[in-house]
PDB file of all heavy atoms in Angstrom:
ATOM      1  N   PRO A   1     -82.806 -68.985  78.776  1.00  0.00           N
ATOM      2  CA  PRO A   1     -82.120 -70.282  78.828  1.00  0.00           C
ATOM      3  C   PRO A   1     -81.758 -70.802  80.214  1.00  0.00           C
ATOM      4  O   PRO A   1     -81.038 -71.789  80.318  1.00  0.00           O
ATOM      5  CB  PRO A   1     -80.844 -69.996  78.036  1.00  0.00           C
ATOM      6  CG  PRO A   1     -80.530 -68.577  78.374  1.00  0.00           C
ATOM      7  CD  PRO A   1     -81.885 -67.896  78.449  1.00  0.00           C
ATOM      8  N   PHE A   2     -82.251 -70.193  81.285  1.00  0.00           N
ATOM      9  CA  PHE A   2     -81.749 -70.540  82.614  1.00  0.00           C
ATOM     10  C   PHE A   2     -82.633 -71.478  83.431  1.00  0.00           C
ATOM     11  O   PHE A   2     -82.180 -72.026  84.413  1.00  0.00           O
ATOM     12  CB  PHE A   2     -81.485 -69.262  83.423  1.00  0.00           C
ATOM     13  CG  PHE A   2     -80.544 -68.348  82.718  1.00  0.00           C
ATOM     14  CD1 PHE A   2     -81.006 -67.209  82.078  1.00  0.00           C
ATOM     15  CD2 PHE A   2     -79.197 -68.642  82.645  1.00  0.00           C
ATOM     16  CE1 PHE A   2     -80.142 -66.375  81.395  1.00  0.00           C
ATOM     17  CE2 PHE A   2     -78.323 -67.823  81.964  1.00  0.00           C
ATOM     18  CZ  PHE A   2     -78.802 -66.687  81.337  1.00  0.00           C
ATOM     19  N   TRP A   3     -83.877 -71.639  83.048  1.00  0.00           N
ATOM     20  CA  TRP A   3     -84.762 -72.535  83.798  1.00  0.00           C
ATOM     21  C   TRP A   3     -85.895 -72.970  82.891  1.00  0.00           C
ATOM     22  O   TRP A   3     -86.596 -72.138  82.318  1.00  0.00           O
ATOM     23  CB  TRP A   3     -85.321 -71.840  85.025  1.00  0.00           C
ATOM     24  CG  TRP A   3     -86.151 -72.725  85.910  1.00  0.00           C
ATOM     25  CD1 TRP A   3     -85.770 -73.892  86.496  1.00  0.00           C
ATOM     26  CD2 TRP A   3     -87.507 -72.514  86.312  1.00  0.00           C
ATOM     27  NE1 TRP A   3     -86.801 -74.419  87.243  1.00  0.00           N
ATOM     28  CE2 TRP A   3     -87.879 -73.585  87.144  1.00  0.00           C
ATOM     29  CE3 TRP A   3     -88.442 -71.518  86.053  1.00  0.00           C
ATOM     30  CZ2 TRP A   3     -89.141 -73.685  87.724  1.00  0.00           C
ATOM     31  CZ3 TRP A   3     -89.685 -71.625  86.629  1.00  0.00           C
ATOM     32  CH2 TRP A   3     -90.025 -72.701  87.460  1.00  0.00           C
ATOM     33  N   THR A   4     -86.019 -74.268  82.756  1.00  0.00           N
ATOM     34  CA  THR A   4     -87.106 -74.859  81.991  1.00  0.00           C
ATOM     35  C   THR A   4     -87.837 -75.795  82.934  1.00  0.00           C
ATOM     36  O   THR A   4     -87.300 -76.850  83.289  1.00  0.00           O
ATOM     37  CB  THR A   4     -86.563 -75.639  80.768  1.00  0.00           C
ATOM     38  OG1 THR A   4     -85.767 -74.756  79.984  1.00  0.00           O
ATOM     39  CG2 THR A   4     -87.687 -76.218  79.952  1.00  0.00           C
ATOM     40  N   PRO A   5     -89.038 -75.419  83.374  1.00  0.00           N
ATOM     41  CA  PRO A   5     -89.760 -76.286  84.303  1.00  0.00           C
ATOM     42  C   PRO A   5     -89.921 -77.702  83.746  1.00  0.00           C
ATOM     43  O   PRO A   5     -90.309 -77.885  82.601  1.00  0.00           O
ATOM     44  CB  PRO A   5     -91.123 -75.596  84.450  1.00  0.00           C
ATOM     45  CG  PRO A   5     -90.853 -74.159  84.106  1.00  0.00           C
ATOM     46  CD  PRO A   5     -89.789 -74.205  83.050  1.00  0.00           C
ATOM     47  N   GLY A   6     -89.524 -78.681  84.545  1.00  0.00           N
ATOM     48  CA  GLY A   6     -89.670 -80.071  84.143  1.00  0.00           C
ATOM     49  C   GLY A   6     -88.567 -80.621  83.263  1.00  0.00           C
ATOM     50  O   GLY A   6     -88.646 -81.760  82.807  1.00  0.00           O
ATOM     51  N   GLY A   7     -87.523 -79.853  83.016  1.00  0.00           N
ATOM     52  CA  GLY A   7     -86.452 -80.355  82.163  1.00  0.00           C
ATOM     53  C   GLY A   7     -85.178 -79.540  82.301  1.00  0.00           C
ATOM     54  O   GLY A   7     -85.124 -78.569  83.062  1.00  0.00           O
ATOM     55  N   ASP A   8     -84.166 -79.963  81.550  1.00  0.00           N
ATOM     56  CA  ASP A   8     -82.907 -79.213  81.548  1.00  0.00           C
ATOM     57  C   ASP A   8     -83.079 -77.917  80.768  1.00  0.00           C
ATOM     58  O   ASP A   8     -83.671 -77.906  79.688  1.00  0.00           O
ATOM     59  CB  ASP A   8     -81.792 -80.029  80.886  1.00  0.00           C
ATOM     60  CG  ASP A   8     -81.219 -81.090  81.789  1.00  0.00           C
ATOM     61  OD1 ASP A   8     -81.444 -81.024  83.009  1.00  0.00           O
ATOM     62  OD2 ASP A   8     -80.544 -81.997  81.261  1.00  0.00           O
ATOM     63  N   SER A   9     -82.541 -76.861  81.306  1.00  0.00           N
ATOM     64  CA  SER A   9     -82.548 -75.595  80.578  1.00  0.00           C
ATOM     65  C   SER A   9     -81.458 -75.637  79.508  1.00  0.00           C
ATOM     66  O   SER A   9     -80.513 -76.433  79.603  1.00  0.00           O
ATOM     67  CB  SER A   9     -82.285 -74.440  81.540  1.00  0.00           C
ATOM     68  OG  SER A   9     -80.929 -74.423  81.939  1.00  0.00           O
ATOM     69  N   PRO A  10     -81.549 -74.786  78.489  1.00  0.00           N
ATOM     70  CA  PRO A  10     -80.477 -74.727  77.492  1.00  0.00           C
ATOM     71  C   PRO A  10     -79.105 -74.448  78.112  1.00  0.00           C
ATOM     72  O   PRO A  10     -78.101 -75.001  77.682  1.00  0.00           O
ATOM     73  CB  PRO A  10     -80.914 -73.598  76.556  1.00  0.00           C
ATOM     74  CG  PRO A  10     -82.411 -73.643  76.640  1.00  0.00           C
ATOM     75  CD  PRO A  10     -82.699 -73.969  78.094  1.00  0.00           C
ATOM     76  N   PHE A  11     -79.050 -73.607  79.138  1.00  0.00           N
ATOM     77  CA  PHE A  11     -77.762 -73.296  79.770  1.00  0.00           C
ATOM     78  C   PHE A  11     -77.229 -74.513  80.521  1.00  0.00           C
ATOM     79  O   PHE A  11     -76.039 -74.817  80.460  1.00  0.00           O
ATOM     80  CB  PHE A  11     -77.905 -72.078  80.696  1.00  0.00           C
ATOM     81  CG  PHE A  11     -76.591 -71.503  81.155  1.00  0.00           C
ATOM     82  CD1 PHE A  11     -75.667 -70.990  80.253  1.00  0.00           C
ATOM     83  CD2 PHE A  11     -76.278 -71.451  82.503  1.00  0.00           C
ATOM     84  CE1 PHE A  11     -74.455 -70.455  80.680  1.00  0.00           C
ATOM     85  CE2 PHE A  11     -75.080 -70.905  82.943  1.00  0.00           C
ATOM     86  CZ  PHE A  11     -74.165 -70.408  82.026  1.00  0.00           C
ATOM     87  N   ASP A  12     -78.114 -75.247  81.224  1.00  0.00           N
ATOM     88  CA  ASP A  12     -77.705 -76.487  81.890  1.00  0.00           C
ATOM     89  C   ASP A  12     -77.182 -77.500  80.874  1.00  0.00           C
ATOM     90  O   ASP A  12     -76.149 -78.139  81.090  1.00  0.00           O
ATOM     91  CB  ASP A  12     -78.877 -77.116  82.662  1.00  0.00           C
ATOM     92  CG  ASP A  12     -79.204 -76.404  83.957  1.00  0.00           C
ATOM     93  OD1 ASP A  12     -78.283 -76.169  84.754  1.00  0.00           O
ATOM     94  OD2 ASP A  12     -80.388 -76.104  84.170  1.00  0.00           O
ATOM     95  N   ALA A  13     -77.898 -77.659  79.760  1.00  0.00           N
ATOM     96  CA  ALA A  13     -77.487 -78.603  78.716  1.00  0.00           C
ATOM     97  C   ALA A  13     -76.141 -78.203  78.120  1.00  0.00           C
ATOM     98  O   ALA A  13     -75.277 -79.053  77.879  1.00  0.00           O
ATOM     99  CB  ALA A  13     -78.558 -78.692  77.630  1.00  0.00           C
ATOM    100  N   TRP A  14     -75.947 -76.918  77.915  1.00  0.00           N
ATOM    101  CA  TRP A  14     -74.683 -76.431  77.364  1.00  0.00           C
ATOM    102  C   TRP A  14     -73.533 -76.715  78.331  1.00  0.00           C
ATOM    103  O   TRP A  14     -72.462 -77.154  77.912  1.00  0.00           O
ATOM    104  CB  TRP A  14     -74.790 -74.933  77.068  1.00  0.00           C
ATOM    105  CG  TRP A  14     -73.528 -74.335  76.559  1.00  0.00           C
ATOM    106  CD1 TRP A  14     -73.064 -74.344  75.271  1.00  0.00           C
ATOM    107  CD2 TRP A  14     -72.544 -73.628  77.325  1.00  0.00           C
ATOM    108  NE1 TRP A  14     -71.857 -73.697  75.198  1.00  0.00           N
ATOM    109  CE2 TRP A  14     -71.519 -73.243  76.451  1.00  0.00           C
ATOM    110  CE3 TRP A  14     -72.446 -73.285  78.669  1.00  0.00           C
ATOM    111  CZ2 TRP A  14     -70.397 -72.533  76.865  1.00  0.00           C
ATOM    112  CZ3 TRP A  14     -71.329 -72.580  79.089  1.00  0.00           C
ATOM    113  CH2 TRP A  14     -70.322 -72.206  78.197  1.00  0.00           C
ATOM    114  N   LEU A  15     -73.763 -76.481  79.630  1.00  0.00           N
ATOM    115  CA  LEU A  15     -72.720 -76.771  80.628  1.00  0.00           C
ATOM    116  C   LEU A  15     -72.371 -78.257  80.626  1.00  0.00           C
ATOM    117  O   LEU A  15     -71.197 -78.618  80.706  1.00  0.00           O
ATOM    118  CB  LEU A  15     -73.161 -76.358  82.028  1.00  0.00           C
ATOM    119  CG  LEU A  15     -72.917 -74.939  82.459  1.00  0.00           C
ATOM    120  CD1 LEU A  15     -73.469 -74.704  83.856  1.00  0.00           C
ATOM    121  CD2 LEU A  15     -71.453 -74.571  82.408  1.00  0.00           C
ATOM    122  N   SER A  16     -73.380 -79.107  80.546  1.00  0.00           N
ATOM    123  CA  SER A  16     -73.127 -80.556  80.515  1.00  0.00           C
ATOM    124  C   SER A  16     -72.302 -80.924  79.293  1.00  0.00           C
ATOM    125  O   SER A  16     -71.356 -81.700  79.386  1.00  0.00           O
ATOM    126  CB  SER A  16     -74.448 -81.329  80.502  1.00  0.00           C
ATOM    127  OG  SER A  16     -75.106 -81.181  81.731  1.00  0.00           O
ATOM    128  N   GLU A  17     -72.651 -80.347  78.151  1.00  0.00           N
ATOM    129  CA  GLU A  17     -71.891 -80.594  76.916  1.00  0.00           C
ATOM    130  C   GLU A  17     -70.451 -80.103  77.076  1.00  0.00           C
ATOM    131  O   GLU A  17     -69.499 -80.806  76.739  1.00  0.00           O
ATOM    132  CB  GLU A  17     -72.566 -79.876  75.750  1.00  0.00           C
ATOM    133  CG  GLU A  17     -71.836 -79.995  74.432  1.00  0.00           C
ATOM    134  CD  GLU A  17     -72.485 -79.134  73.359  1.00  0.00           C
ATOM    135  OE1 GLU A  17     -73.706 -78.933  73.375  1.00  0.00           O
ATOM    136  OE2 GLU A  17     -71.728 -78.650  72.484  1.00  0.00           O
ATOM    137  N   ARG A  18     -70.286 -78.917  77.642  1.00  0.00           N
ATOM    138  CA  ARG A  18     -68.958 -78.329  77.856  1.00  0.00           C
ATOM    139  C   ARG A  18     -68.117 -79.198  78.780  1.00  0.00           C
ATOM    140  O   ARG A  18     -66.932 -79.392  78.566  1.00  0.00           O
ATOM    141  CB  ARG A  18     -69.128 -76.933  78.459  1.00  0.00           C
ATOM    142  CG  ARG A  18     -67.847 -76.273  78.905  1.00  0.00           C
ATOM    143  CD  ARG A  18     -68.174 -74.969  79.650  1.00  0.00           C
ATOM    144  NE  ARG A  18     -66.999 -74.420  80.261  1.00  0.00           N
ATOM    145  CZ  ARG A  18     -66.583 -74.698  81.499  1.00  0.00           C
ATOM    146  NH1 ARG A  18     -67.247 -75.528  82.258  1.00  0.00           N
ATOM    147  NH2 ARG A  18     -65.492 -74.132  81.972  1.00  0.00           N
ATOM    148  N   ASN A  19     -68.757 -79.732  79.836  1.00  0.00           N
ATOM    149  CA  ASN A  19     -68.041 -80.532  80.823  1.00  0.00           C
ATOM    150  C   ASN A  19     -67.914 -81.992  80.417  1.00  0.00           C
ATOM    151  O   ASN A  19     -67.243 -82.763  81.106  1.00  0.00           O
ATOM    152  CB  ASN A  19     -68.732 -80.419  82.184  1.00  0.00           C
ATOM    153  CG  ASN A  19     -68.680 -79.005  82.728  1.00  0.00           C
ATOM    154  OD1 ASN A  19     -67.804 -78.222  82.382  1.00  0.00           O
ATOM    155  ND2 ASN A  19     -69.632 -78.664  83.570  1.00  0.00           N
ATOM    156  N   GLY A  20     -68.554 -82.376  79.331  1.00  0.00           N
ATOM    157  CA  GLY A  20     -68.439 -83.741  78.830  1.00  0.00           C
ATOM    158  C   GLY A  20     -69.193 -84.773  79.649  1.00  0.00           C
ATOM    159  O   GLY A  20     -68.956 -85.963  79.504  1.00  0.00           O
ATOM    160  N   ALA A  21     -70.088 -84.331  80.509  1.00  0.00           N
ATOM    161  CA  ALA A  21     -70.865 -85.267  81.321  1.00  0.00           C
ATOM    162  C   ALA A  21     -72.131 -84.580  81.805  1.00  0.00           C
ATOM    163  O   ALA A  21     -72.131 -83.388  82.091  1.00  0.00           O
ATOM    164  CB  ALA A  21     -70.058 -85.737  82.526  1.00  0.00           C
ATOM    165  N   GLY A  22     -73.191 -85.353  81.892  1.00  0.00           N
ATOM    166  CA  GLY A  22     -74.438 -84.824  82.415  1.00  0.00           C
ATOM    167  C   GLY A  22     -74.339 -84.621  83.921  1.00  0.00           C
ATOM    168  O   GLY A  22     -73.468 -85.172  84.585  1.00  0.00           O
ATOM    169  N   SER A  23     -75.234 -83.810  84.435  1.00  0.00           N
ATOM    170  CA  SER A  23     -75.254 -83.567  85.867  1.00  0.00           C
ATOM    171  C   SER A  23     -76.688 -83.294  86.286  1.00  0.00           C
ATOM    172  O   SER A  23     -77.447 -82.663  85.554  1.00  0.00           O
ATOM    173  CB  SER A  23     -74.371 -82.374  86.224  1.00  0.00           C
ATOM    174  OG  SER A  23     -74.487 -82.081  87.597  1.00  0.00           O
ATOM    175  N   SER A  24     -77.031 -83.747  87.470  1.00  0.00           N
ATOM    176  CA  SER A  24     -78.351 -83.440  88.010  1.00  0.00           C
ATOM    177  C   SER A  24     -78.327 -82.116  88.766  1.00  0.00           C
ATOM    178  O   SER A  24     -79.354 -81.642  89.222  1.00  0.00           O
ATOM    179  CB  SER A  24     -78.817 -84.569  88.937  1.00  0.00           C
ATOM    180  OG  SER A  24     -77.916 -84.705  90.018  1.00  0.00           O
ATOM    181  N   LEU A  25     -77.148 -81.516  88.877  1.00  0.00           N
ATOM    182  CA  LEU A  25     -77.015 -80.234  89.578  1.00  0.00           C
ATOM    183  C   LEU A  25     -77.411 -79.088  88.650  1.00  0.00           C
ATOM    184  O   LEU A  25     -77.145 -79.124  87.452  1.00  0.00           O
ATOM    185  CB  LEU A  25     -75.576 -80.024  90.042  1.00  0.00           C
ATOM    186  CG  LEU A  25     -75.006 -81.062  91.007  1.00  0.00           C
ATOM    187  CD1 LEU A  25     -73.538 -80.771  91.277  1.00  0.00           C
ATOM    188  CD2 LEU A  25     -75.813 -81.088  92.295  1.00  0.00           C
ATOM    189  N   ARG A  26     -78.020 -78.079  89.226  1.00  0.00           N
ATOM    190  CA  ARG A  26     -78.361 -76.888  88.448  1.00  0.00           C
ATOM    191  C   ARG A  26     -77.074 -76.155  88.069  1.00  0.00           C
ATOM    192  O   ARG A  26     -76.036 -76.328  88.692  1.00  0.00           O
ATOM    193  CB  ARG A  26     -79.256 -75.962  89.280  1.00  0.00           C
ATOM    194  CG  ARG A  26     -80.556 -76.577  89.654  1.00  0.00           C
ATOM    195  CD  ARG A  26     -81.792 -76.023  89.003  1.00  0.00           C
ATOM    196  NE  ARG A  26     -81.773 -74.603  88.749  1.00  0.00           N
ATOM    197  CZ  ARG A  26     -81.978 -74.116  87.517  1.00  0.00           C
ATOM    198  NH1 ARG A  26     -82.190 -74.906  86.490  1.00  0.00           N
ATOM    199  NH2 ARG A  26     -81.973 -72.812  87.323  1.00  0.00           N
ATOM    200  N   TRP A  27     -77.184 -75.298  87.054  1.00  0.00           N
ATOM    201  CA  TRP A  27     -76.023 -74.572  86.558  1.00  0.00           C
ATOM    202  C   TRP A  27     -75.338 -73.802  87.684  1.00  0.00           C
ATOM    203  O   TRP A  27     -74.118 -73.734  87.736  1.00  0.00           O
ATOM    204  CB  TRP A  27     -76.399 -73.644  85.402  1.00  0.00           C
ATOM    205  CG  TRP A  27     -77.420 -72.592  85.727  1.00  0.00           C
ATOM    206  CD1 TRP A  27     -78.776 -72.659  85.525  1.00  0.00           C
ATOM    207  CD2 TRP A  27     -77.179 -71.323  86.341  1.00  0.00           C
ATOM    208  NE1 TRP A  27     -79.382 -71.514  85.971  1.00  0.00           N
ATOM    209  CE2 TRP A  27     -78.427 -70.665  86.474  1.00  0.00           C
ATOM    210  CE3 TRP A  27     -76.047 -70.673  86.797  1.00  0.00           C
ATOM    211  CZ2 TRP A  27     -78.560 -69.410  87.025  1.00  0.00           C
ATOM    212  CZ3 TRP A  27     -76.173 -69.410  87.359  1.00  0.00           C
ATOM    213  CH2 TRP A  27     -77.422 -68.788  87.462  1.00  0.00           C
ATOM    214  N   SER A  28     -76.123 -73.221  88.579  1.00  0.00           N
ATOM    215  CA  SER A  28     -75.535 -72.415  89.657  1.00  0.00           C
ATOM    216  C   SER A  28     -74.627 -73.248  90.554  1.00  0.00           C
ATOM    217  O   SER A  28     -73.519 -72.819  90.906  1.00  0.00           O
ATOM    218  CB  SER A  28     -76.645 -71.763  90.488  1.00  0.00           C
ATOM    219  OG  SER A  28     -77.596 -72.731  90.901  1.00  0.00           O
ATOM    220  N   THR A  29     -75.066 -74.444  90.898  1.00  0.00           N
ATOM    221  CA  THR A  29     -74.265 -75.320  91.760  1.00  0.00           C
ATOM    222  C   THR A  29     -73.040 -75.828  91.011  1.00  0.00           C
ATOM    223  O   THR A  29     -71.933 -75.871  91.575  1.00  0.00           O
ATOM    224  CB  THR A  29     -75.119 -76.494  92.269  1.00  0.00           C
ATOM    225  OG1 THR A  29     -76.275 -75.958  92.926  1.00  0.00           O
ATOM    226  CG2 THR A  29     -74.341 -77.369  93.235  1.00  0.00           C
ATOM    227  N   GLN A  30     -73.211 -76.191  89.746  1.00  0.00           N
ATOM    228  CA  GLN A  30     -72.068 -76.663  88.955  1.00  0.00           C
ATOM    229  C   GLN A  30     -70.978 -75.591  88.880  1.00  0.00           C
ATOM    230  O   GLN A  30     -69.796 -75.880  89.060  1.00  0.00           O
ATOM    231  CB  GLN A  30     -72.511 -77.023  87.532  1.00  0.00           C
ATOM    232  CG  GLN A  30     -73.335 -78.272  87.435  1.00  0.00           C
ATOM    233  CD  GLN A  30     -73.660 -78.581  85.991  1.00  0.00           C
ATOM    234  OE1 GLN A  30     -72.753 -78.736  85.171  1.00  0.00           O
ATOM    235  NE2 GLN A  30     -74.939 -78.669  85.675  1.00  0.00           N
ATOM    236  N   ILE A  31     -71.383 -74.364  88.612  1.00  0.00           N
ATOM    237  CA  ILE A  31     -70.405 -73.279  88.472  1.00  0.00           C
ATOM    238  C   ILE A  31     -69.770 -72.951  89.818  1.00  0.00           C
ATOM    239  O   ILE A  31     -68.560 -72.697  89.893  1.00  0.00           O
ATOM    240  CB  ILE A  31     -71.044 -72.041  87.821  1.00  0.00           C
ATOM    241  CG1 ILE A  31     -71.457 -72.372  86.379  1.00  0.00           C
ATOM    242  CG2 ILE A  31     -70.080 -70.854  87.855  1.00  0.00           C
ATOM    243  CD1 ILE A  31     -72.285 -71.292  85.705  1.00  0.00           C
ATOM    244  N   GLU A  32     -70.557 -72.975  90.895  1.00  0.00           N
ATOM    245  CA  GLU A  32     -69.985 -72.740  92.238  1.00  0.00           C
ATOM    246  C   GLU A  32     -68.892 -73.776  92.530  1.00  0.00           C
ATOM    247  O   GLU A  32     -67.830 -73.439  93.035  1.00  0.00           O
ATOM    248  CB  GLU A  32     -71.072 -72.780  93.312  1.00  0.00           C
ATOM    249  CG  GLU A  32     -72.059 -71.635  93.224  1.00  0.00           C
ATOM    250  CD  GLU A  32     -71.916 -70.588  94.307  1.00  0.00           C
ATOM    251  OE1 GLU A  32     -71.155 -70.808  95.259  1.00  0.00           O
ATOM    252  OE2 GLU A  32     -72.572 -69.546  94.181  1.00  0.00           O
ATOM    253  N   HIS A  33     -69.165 -75.050  92.201  1.00  0.00           N
ATOM    254  CA  HIS A  33     -68.166 -76.106  92.424  1.00  0.00           C
ATOM    255  C   HIS A  33     -66.925 -75.874  91.563  1.00  0.00           C
ATOM    256  O   HIS A  33     -65.797 -75.983  92.058  1.00  0.00           O
ATOM    257  CB  HIS A  33     -68.756 -77.492  92.126  1.00  0.00           C
ATOM    258  CG  HIS A  33     -69.671 -78.004  93.183  1.00  0.00           C
ATOM    259  ND1 HIS A  33     -69.227 -78.519  94.381  1.00  0.00           N
ATOM    260  CD2 HIS A  33     -71.029 -78.066  93.230  1.00  0.00           C
ATOM    261  CE1 HIS A  33     -70.254 -78.877  95.121  1.00  0.00           C
ATOM    262  NE2 HIS A  33     -71.366 -78.609  94.443  1.00  0.00           N
ATOM    263  N   GLU A  34     -67.125 -75.574  90.294  1.00  0.00           N
ATOM    264  CA  GLU A  34     -65.985 -75.338  89.405  1.00  0.00           C
ATOM    265  C   GLU A  34     -65.162 -74.141  89.872  1.00  0.00           C
ATOM    266  O   GLU A  34     -63.928 -74.180  89.851  1.00  0.00           O
ATOM    267  CB  GLU A  34     -66.467 -75.112  87.970  1.00  0.00           C
ATOM    268  CG  GLU A  34     -65.333 -74.942  86.991  1.00  0.00           C
ATOM    269  CD  GLU A  34     -65.778 -74.795  85.553  1.00  0.00           C
ATOM    270  OE1 GLU A  34     -66.906 -75.215  85.212  1.00  0.00           O
ATOM    271  OE2 GLU A  34     -64.986 -74.265  84.760  1.00  0.00           O
ATOM    272  N   ALA A  35     -65.825 -73.092  90.312  1.00  0.00           N
ATOM    273  CA  ALA A  35     -65.108 -71.901  90.784  1.00  0.00           C
ATOM    274  C   ALA A  35     -64.237 -72.235  91.982  1.00  0.00           C
ATOM    275  O   ALA A  35     -63.125 -71.716  92.111  1.00  0.00           O
ATOM    276  CB  ALA A  35     -66.103 -70.797  91.133  1.00  0.00           C
TER     277      ALA A  35
END
């Protein structure tokens, strides 16, 4: 679930759903910012 070439990965989609907003940032960058 961590990388889907050409699209959002399931983990990225789940993070966007959790955060209530889409993001063009990868999961790693989103989590680094949140941390």
